[in-house]
Amino acid sequence: MITKVLMVCLGNICRSPLAEGILQSKVDTNSVFVDSAGTGGYHIGNPPDPRSIAVARKYGIDISKQRCRQFSVKDFDAFDIIYVMDKSNYTNVIAKAKTQTAISKVKLLLGEIDGAIKEVPDPYYDQQDGFEHVFHLIDSACEVITNKLNARQ
């Protein structure tokens, strides 16, 4: 059985494409499918932010072929786990949920790791170092998620 994981941020150009690429690089893609989406429809069809592409490439991950899409109510049925980057994303996603089962699929990504930081900051208006910081936060969470997914297999 394939476990389907969705990563969600606001525009699907900075954080969630990184999370998709990082998790994909850590899991067996025959048993885990990873995708990403944004709660807003600002960048539908566009590639990730060049700064996200660059920081991912720095660590050997190619996210350049990803294309932005907007989160849909259908995603609740299509995915087993939905990770959101911050509390605003969480609120926007669960507002579309029609059942308690759907709501139970939604989690804060950094909730998977122990630490004071519970939200992945949006690096869009930062310089490149913001993307580097976000990469490492997401990478730490994806390491924990990978271990949990491996335990389910």
C-alpha atoms as a PDB file:
ATOM      1  CA  MET A   1       0.000   0.000   0.000  1.00  0.00           C
ATOM      2  CA  ILE A   2       1.271   3.456  -0.907  1.00  0.00           C
ATOM      3  CA  THR A   3       1.161   6.183   1.744  1.00  0.00           C
ATOM      4  CA  LYS A   4       0.269   9.542   0.213  1.00  0.00           C
ATOM      5  CA  VAL A   5       1.657  12.696   1.854  1.00  0.00           C
ATOM      6  CA  LEU A   6       0.755  16.277   0.916  1.00  0.00           C
ATOM      7  CA  MET A   7       2.855  19.294   1.912  1.00  0.00           C
ATOM      8  CA  VAL A   8       0.979  22.618   2.067  1.00  0.00           C
ATOM      9  CA  CYS A   9       2.034  26.260   2.391  1.00  0.00           C
ATOM     10  CA  LEU A  10       0.502  29.532   1.203  1.00  0.00           C
ATOM     11  CA  GLY A  11       1.619  29.888  -2.412  1.00  0.00           C
ATOM     12  CA  ASN A  12       3.246  26.508  -3.126  1.00  0.00           C
ATOM     13  CA  ILE A  13       6.441  28.185  -4.337  1.00  0.00           C
ATOM     14  CA  CYS A  14       8.782  28.248  -1.313  1.00  0.00           C
ATOM     15  CA  ARG A  15       8.193  25.932   1.641  1.00  0.00           C
ATOM     16  CA  SER A  16       5.924  23.149   0.398  1.00  0.00           C
ATOM     17  CA  PRO A  17       7.942  22.477  -2.792  1.00  0.00           C
ATOM     18  CA  LEU A  18      11.029  22.143  -0.589  1.00  0.00           C
ATOM     19  CA  ALA A  19       9.151  19.812   1.759  1.00  0.00           C
ATOM     20  CA  GLU A  20       7.943  17.728  -1.191  1.00  0.00           C
ATOM     21  CA  GLY A  21      11.445  17.436  -2.634  1.00  0.00           C
ATOM     22  CA  ILE A  22      13.161  16.778   0.688  1.00  0.00           C
ATOM     23  CA  LEU A  23      10.726  14.055   1.755  1.00  0.00           C
ATOM     24  CA  GLN A  24      10.838  12.436  -1.708  1.00  0.00           C
ATOM     25  CA  SER A  25      14.627  12.289  -1.445  1.00  0.00           C
ATOM     26  CA  LYS A  26      14.402  10.363   1.845  1.00  0.00           C
ATOM     27  CA  VAL A  27      11.651   7.810   1.208  1.00  0.00           C
ATOM     28  CA  ASP A  28      11.134   4.811  -1.019  1.00  0.00           C
ATOM     29  CA  THR A  29       8.964   6.354  -3.735  1.00  0.00           C
ATOM     30  CA  ASN A  30       7.473   2.922  -4.450  1.00  0.00           C
ATOM     31  CA  SER A  31       5.764   3.019  -1.059  1.00  0.00           C
ATOM     32  CA  VAL A  32       5.397   6.773  -0.397  1.00  0.00           C
ATOM     33  CA  PHE A  33       3.934   9.356  -2.790  1.00  0.00           C
ATOM     34  CA  VAL A  34       4.640  13.008  -1.956  1.00  0.00           C
ATOM     35  CA  ASP A  35       3.016  16.098  -3.470  1.00  0.00           C
ATOM     36  CA  SER A  36       2.591  19.750  -2.509  1.00  0.00           C
ATOM     37  CA  ALA A  37      -0.015  22.482  -2.815  1.00  0.00           C
ATOM     38  CA  GLY A  38      -0.768  26.013  -1.688  1.00  0.00           C
ATOM     39  CA  THR A  39      -3.801  27.372   0.096  1.00  0.00           C
ATOM     40  CA  GLY A  40      -3.734  30.391  -2.223  1.00  0.00           C
ATOM     41  CA  GLY A  41      -4.014  30.260  -5.995  1.00  0.00           C
ATOM     42  CA  TYR A  42      -1.481  32.992  -6.724  1.00  0.00           C
ATOM     43  CA  HIS A  43       1.120  30.903  -8.576  1.00  0.00           C
ATOM     44  CA  ILE A  44      -0.821  28.018 -10.157  1.00  0.00           C
ATOM     45  CA  GLY A  45       1.231  26.376 -12.900  1.00  0.00           C
ATOM     46  CA  ASN A  46       4.455  28.187 -12.018  1.00  0.00           C
ATOM     47  CA  PRO A  47       7.698  26.526 -10.932  1.00  0.00           C
ATOM     48  CA  PRO A  48       8.945  26.999  -7.363  1.00  0.00           C
ATOM     49  CA  ASP A  49      10.721  30.217  -6.365  1.00  0.00           C
ATOM     50  CA  PRO A  50      14.263  30.264  -7.845  1.00  0.00           C
ATOM     51  CA  ARG A  51      15.663  30.566  -4.302  1.00  0.00           C
ATOM     52  CA  SER A  52      13.906  27.339  -3.257  1.00  0.00           C
ATOM     53  CA  ILE A  53      15.200  25.622  -6.387  1.00  0.00           C
ATOM     54  CA  ALA A  54      18.742  26.874  -5.623  1.00  0.00           C
ATOM     55  CA  VAL A  55      18.839  25.785  -1.973  1.00  0.00           C
ATOM     56  CA  ALA A  56      17.400  22.371  -2.862  1.00  0.00           C
ATOM     57  CA  ARG A  57      19.963  21.968  -5.643  1.00  0.00           C
ATOM     58  CA  LYS A  58      22.730  22.868  -3.172  1.00  0.00           C
ATOM     59  CA  TYR A  59      21.767  19.704  -1.243  1.00  0.00           C
ATOM     60  CA  GLY A  60      21.355  17.504  -4.319  1.00  0.00           C
ATOM     61  CA  ILE A  61      17.566  17.771  -4.705  1.00  0.00           C
ATOM     62  CA  ASP A  62      15.949  18.889  -7.970  1.00  0.00           C
ATOM     63  CA  ILE A  63      12.556  20.561  -7.496  1.00  0.00           C
ATOM     64  CA  SER A  64      12.679  22.574 -10.726  1.00  0.00           C
ATOM     65  CA  LYS A  65      10.088  20.425 -12.506  1.00  0.00           C
ATOM     66  CA  GLN A  66       7.418  20.882  -9.821  1.00  0.00           C
ATOM     67  CA  ARG A  67       4.480  23.119 -10.689  1.00  0.00           C
ATOM     68  CA  CYS A  68       2.349  25.028  -8.208  1.00  0.00           C
ATOM     69  CA  ARG A  69      -1.217  23.981  -7.563  1.00  0.00           C
ATOM     70  CA  GLN A  70      -3.911  25.013  -5.134  1.00  0.00           C
ATOM     71  CA  PHE A  71      -5.140  22.827  -2.282  1.00  0.00           C
ATOM     72  CA  SER A  72      -8.498  21.239  -3.040  1.00  0.00           C
ATOM     73  CA  VAL A  73     -11.192  19.578  -0.938  1.00  0.00           C
ATOM     74  CA  LYS A  74     -10.449  16.437  -3.001  1.00  0.00           C
ATOM     75  CA  ASP A  75      -7.001  16.326  -1.364  1.00  0.00           C
ATOM     76  CA  PHE A  76      -8.612  15.091   1.863  1.00  0.00           C
ATOM     77  CA  ASP A  77      -9.626  11.900   0.047  1.00  0.00           C
ATOM     78  CA  ALA A  78      -6.471  11.611  -2.050  1.00  0.00           C
ATOM     79  CA  PHE A  79      -3.919  11.904   0.793  1.00  0.00           C
ATOM     80  CA  ASP A  80      -3.314  10.020   4.029  1.00  0.00           C
ATOM     81  CA  ILE A  81      -1.357  12.801   5.762  1.00  0.00           C
ATOM     82  CA  ILE A  82      -1.448  16.539   5.084  1.00  0.00           C
ATOM     83  CA  TYR A  83       1.422  18.559   6.547  1.00  0.00           C
ATOM     84  CA  VAL A  84       1.027  22.327   6.742  1.00  0.00           C
ATOM     85  CA  MET A  85       3.859  24.784   7.272  1.00  0.00           C
ATOM     86  CA  ASP A  86       2.188  27.187   9.701  1.00  0.00           C
ATOM     87  CA  LYS A  87      -0.941  27.857  11.756  1.00  0.00           C
ATOM     88  CA  SER A  88      -2.478  30.060   9.072  1.00  0.00           C
ATOM     89  CA  ASN A  89      -2.150  27.210   6.552  1.00  0.00           C
ATOM     90  CA  TYR A  90      -3.660  24.863   9.149  1.00  0.00           C
ATOM     91  CA  THR A  91      -6.682  27.135   9.627  1.00  0.00           C
ATOM     92  CA  ASN A  92      -7.178  27.519   5.864  1.00  0.00           C
ATOM     93  CA  VAL A  93      -6.947  23.782   5.209  1.00  0.00           C
ATOM     94  CA  ILE A  94      -9.220  22.575   8.017  1.00  0.00           C
ATOM     95  CA  ALA A  95     -11.800  25.209   7.019  1.00  0.00           C
ATOM     96  CA  LYS A  96     -12.326  23.097   3.878  1.00  0.00           C
ATOM     97  CA  ALA A  97     -12.688  19.823   5.796  1.00  0.00           C
ATOM     98  CA  LYS A  98     -16.132  18.283   5.876  1.00  0.00           C
ATOM     99  CA  THR A  99     -15.441  15.539   8.417  1.00  0.00           C
ATOM    100  CA  GLN A 100     -13.470  14.914  11.579  1.00  0.00           C
ATOM    101  CA  THR A 101     -11.518  12.241   9.692  1.00  0.00           C
ATOM    102  CA  ALA A 102     -10.377  14.874   7.197  1.00  0.00           C
ATOM    103  CA  ILE A 103      -9.336  17.239   9.986  1.00  0.00           C
ATOM    104  CA  SER A 104      -7.376  14.456  11.689  1.00  0.00           C
ATOM    105  CA  LYS A 105      -5.148  14.130   8.599  1.00  0.00           C
ATOM    106  CA  VAL A 106      -3.841  17.711   8.953  1.00  0.00           C
ATOM    107  CA  LYS A 107      -0.715  18.340  11.030  1.00  0.00           C
ATOM    108  CA  LEU A 108       1.862  21.069  11.498  1.00  0.00           C
ATOM    109  CA  LEU A 109       5.069  19.842   9.836  1.00  0.00           C
ATOM    110  CA  LEU A 110       7.317  20.997  12.663  1.00  0.00           C
ATOM    111  CA  GLY A 111       5.002  19.328  15.158  1.00  0.00           C
ATOM    112  CA  GLU A 112       6.866  16.161  14.186  1.00  0.00           C
ATOM    113  CA  ILE A 113      10.044  17.359  15.882  1.00  0.00           C
ATOM    114  CA  ASP A 114      10.690  18.485  19.412  1.00  0.00           C
ATOM    115  CA  GLY A 115      11.576  22.133  19.535  1.00  0.00           C
ATOM    116  CA  ALA A 116      10.396  25.609  20.297  1.00  0.00           C
ATOM    117  CA  ILE A 117       9.717  26.464  16.644  1.00  0.00           C
ATOM    118  CA  LYS A 118       6.368  25.043  15.563  1.00  0.00           C
ATOM    119  CA  GLU A 119       5.913  26.965  12.314  1.00  0.00           C
ATOM    120  CA  VAL A 120       8.110  27.011   9.228  1.00  0.00           C
ATOM    121  CA  PRO A 121       8.665  30.730   8.560  1.00  0.00           C
ATOM    122  CA  ASP A 122       7.792  31.978   5.089  1.00  0.00           C
ATOM    123  CA  PRO A 123      11.116  32.979   3.473  1.00  0.00           C
ATOM    124  CA  TYR A 124       9.507  34.690   0.455  1.00  0.00           C
ATOM    125  CA  TYR A 125      10.452  38.217   1.523  1.00  0.00           C
ATOM    126  CA  ASP A 126      13.807  37.161   3.020  1.00  0.00           C
ATOM    127  CA  GLN A 127      17.181  37.004   1.385  1.00  0.00           C
ATOM    128  CA  GLN A 128      18.756  33.646   0.517  1.00  0.00           C
ATOM    129  CA  ASP A 129      19.684  32.836   4.145  1.00  0.00           C
ATOM    130  CA  GLY A 130      15.983  32.551   4.996  1.00  0.00           C
ATOM    131  CA  PHE A 131      15.679  29.750   2.466  1.00  0.00           C
ATOM    132  CA  GLU A 132      18.714  27.994   3.941  1.00  0.00           C
ATOM    133  CA  HIS A 133      17.156  28.148   7.431  1.00  0.00           C
ATOM    134  CA  VAL A 134      13.805  26.873   6.127  1.00  0.00           C
ATOM    135  CA  PHE A 135      15.531  24.023   4.267  1.00  0.00           C
ATOM    136  CA  HIS A 136      17.147  22.771   7.482  1.00  0.00           C
ATOM    137  CA  LEU A 137      13.907  23.049   9.513  1.00  0.00           C
ATOM    138  CA  ILE A 138      12.010  21.072   6.890  1.00  0.00           C
ATOM    139  CA  ASP A 139      14.840  18.567   6.518  1.00  0.00           C
ATOM    140  CA  SER A 140      14.783  17.835  10.262  1.00  0.00           C
ATOM    141  CA  ALA A 141      11.029  17.243  10.221  1.00  0.00           C
ATOM    142  CA  CYS A 142      11.251  15.078   7.093  1.00  0.00           C
ATOM    143  CA  GLU A 143      13.865  12.896   8.769  1.00  0.00           C
ATOM    144  CA  VAL A 144      11.407  12.151  11.601  1.00  0.00           C
ATOM    145  CA  ILE A 145       8.553  11.636   9.137  1.00  0.00           C
ATOM    146  CA  THR A 146      10.676   9.206   7.110  1.00  0.00           C
ATOM    147  CA  ASN A 147      11.370   7.146  10.227  1.00  0.00           C
ATOM    148  CA  LYS A 148       7.643   7.067  11.056  1.00  0.00           C
ATOM    149  CA  LEU A 149       6.721   6.066   7.507  1.00  0.00           C
ATOM    150  CA  ASN A 150       9.345   3.305   7.494  1.00  0.00           C
ATOM    151  CA  ALA A 151       7.908   1.975  10.754  1.00  0.00           C
ATOM    152  CA  ARG A 152       4.452   1.733   9.095  1.00  0.00           C
ATOM    153  CA  GLN A 153       5.734  -0.431   6.225  1.00  0.00           C
END
